[in-house]
Amino acid sequence: MSKFVQKMITRGRNEGITIGRNEGISFATDRMTKLMNTLYSQGRDNDVKKAFSDKLYLQKLFEE
């Protein structure tokens, strides 16, 4: 395999990783925003506070 082809493969992989990371961040942000808005609209402020310090509790809220 030529150095050019190796360079292009590496570049494509890196760009793919960057795109995937950005999409993942966007997905997580949207999901978290929806959950927090739902909880606040239900008057569940304490659940919001707890979710930010307890990952297991946050997961439980997402499963609700």
C-alpha atoms as a PDB file:
ATOM      1  CA  MET A   1       0.000   0.000   0.000  1.00  0.00           C
ATOM      2  CA  SER A   2       1.414   3.391  -0.949  1.00  0.00           C
ATOM      3  CA  LYS A   3       2.078   6.099   1.602  1.00  0.00           C
ATOM      4  CA  PHE A   4      -0.569   8.245  -0.101  1.00  0.00           C
ATOM      5  CA  VAL A   5      -3.227   5.564   0.328  1.00  0.00           C
ATOM      6  CA  GLN A   6      -2.210   5.034   3.959  1.00  0.00           C
ATOM      7  CA  LYS A   7      -2.396   8.784   4.537  1.00  0.00           C
ATOM      8  CA  MET A   8      -5.873   8.987   2.990  1.00  0.00           C
ATOM      9  CA  ILE A   9      -7.102   6.021   5.041  1.00  0.00           C
ATOM     10  CA  THR A  10      -5.786   7.633   8.225  1.00  0.00           C
ATOM     11  CA  ARG A  11      -7.345  10.954   7.276  1.00  0.00           C
ATOM     12  CA  GLY A  12     -10.702   9.305   6.530  1.00  0.00           C
ATOM     13  CA  ARG A  13     -10.615   7.405   9.821  1.00  0.00           C
ATOM     14  CA  ASN A  14      -9.808  10.562  11.777  1.00  0.00           C
ATOM     15  CA  GLU A  15     -12.566  12.503  10.042  1.00  0.00           C
ATOM     16  CA  GLY A  16     -14.990   9.650  10.749  1.00  0.00           C
ATOM     17  CA  ILE A  17     -14.018   9.645  14.407  1.00  0.00           C
ATOM     18  CA  THR A  18     -14.538  13.412  14.604  1.00  0.00           C
ATOM     19  CA  ILE A  19     -17.936  13.225  12.901  1.00  0.00           C
ATOM     20  CA  GLY A  20     -19.017  10.348  15.140  1.00  0.00           C
ATOM     21  CA  ARG A  21     -17.880  12.166  18.260  1.00  0.00           C
ATOM     22  CA  ASN A  22     -19.741  15.332  17.245  1.00  0.00           C
ATOM     23  CA  GLU A  23     -22.911  13.384  16.469  1.00  0.00           C
ATOM     24  CA  GLY A  24     -22.631  11.574  19.810  1.00  0.00           C
ATOM     25  CA  ILE A  25     -22.265  14.832  21.690  1.00  0.00           C
ATOM     26  CA  SER A  26     -25.235  16.314  19.848  1.00  0.00           C
ATOM     27  CA  PHE A  27     -27.364  13.235  20.584  1.00  0.00           C
ATOM     28  CA  ALA A  28     -26.426  13.231  24.273  1.00  0.00           C
ATOM     29  CA  THR A  29     -27.062  16.962  24.604  1.00  0.00           C
ATOM     30  CA  ASP A  30     -30.491  16.669  22.989  1.00  0.00           C
ATOM     31  CA  ARG A  31     -31.393  13.670  25.159  1.00  0.00           C
ATOM     32  CA  MET A  32     -30.281  15.406  28.345  1.00  0.00           C
ATOM     33  CA  THR A  33     -32.089  18.628  27.435  1.00  0.00           C
ATOM     34  CA  LYS A  34     -35.344  16.764  26.812  1.00  0.00           C
ATOM     35  CA  LEU A  35     -35.058  14.885  30.094  1.00  0.00           C
ATOM     36  CA  MET A  36     -34.268  18.008  32.129  1.00  0.00           C
ATOM     37  CA  ASN A  37     -37.114  19.959  30.496  1.00  0.00           C
ATOM     38  CA  THR A  38     -39.523  17.123  31.235  1.00  0.00           C
ATOM     39  CA  LEU A  39     -38.418  16.873  34.856  1.00  0.00           C
ATOM     40  CA  TYR A  40     -38.593  20.648  35.406  1.00  0.00           C
ATOM     41  CA  SER A  41     -42.039  20.828  33.808  1.00  0.00           C
ATOM     42  CA  GLN A  42     -43.182  18.136  36.259  1.00  0.00           C
ATOM     43  CA  GLY A  43     -41.760  20.073  39.206  1.00  0.00           C
ATOM     44  CA  ARG A  44     -39.081  17.438  39.811  1.00  0.00           C
ATOM     45  CA  ASP A  45     -36.233  19.854  40.565  1.00  0.00           C
ATOM     46  CA  ASN A  46     -34.716  17.517  43.151  1.00  0.00           C
ATOM     47  CA  ASP A  47     -34.488  14.747  40.562  1.00  0.00           C
ATOM     48  CA  VAL A  48     -32.587  17.098  38.253  1.00  0.00           C
ATOM     49  CA  LYS A  49     -30.112  17.951  41.015  1.00  0.00           C
ATOM     50  CA  LYS A  50     -29.611  14.308  41.939  1.00  0.00           C
ATOM     51  CA  ALA A  51     -29.182  13.275  38.292  1.00  0.00           C
ATOM     52  CA  PHE A  52     -26.179  15.564  37.920  1.00  0.00           C
ATOM     53  CA  SER A  53     -24.330  13.871  40.771  1.00  0.00           C
ATOM     54  CA  ASP A  54     -25.523  10.259  40.464  1.00  0.00           C
ATOM     55  CA  LYS A  55     -24.959   8.469  37.146  1.00  0.00           C
ATOM     56  CA  LEU A  56     -27.025   5.448  38.138  1.00  0.00           C
ATOM     57  CA  TYR A  57     -29.952   7.681  39.064  1.00  0.00           C
ATOM     58  CA  LEU A  58     -29.602   9.531  35.764  1.00  0.00           C
ATOM     59  CA  GLN A  59     -29.774   6.216  33.909  1.00  0.00           C
ATOM     60  CA  LYS A  60     -32.893   5.299  35.885  1.00  0.00           C
ATOM     61  CA  LEU A  61     -34.510   8.577  34.831  1.00  0.00           C
ATOM     62  CA  PHE A  62     -33.706   7.907  31.166  1.00  0.00           C
ATOM     63  CA  GLU A  63     -35.299   4.479  31.481  1.00  0.00           C
ATOM     64  CA  GLU A  64     -38.492   6.062  32.867  1.00  0.00           C
END
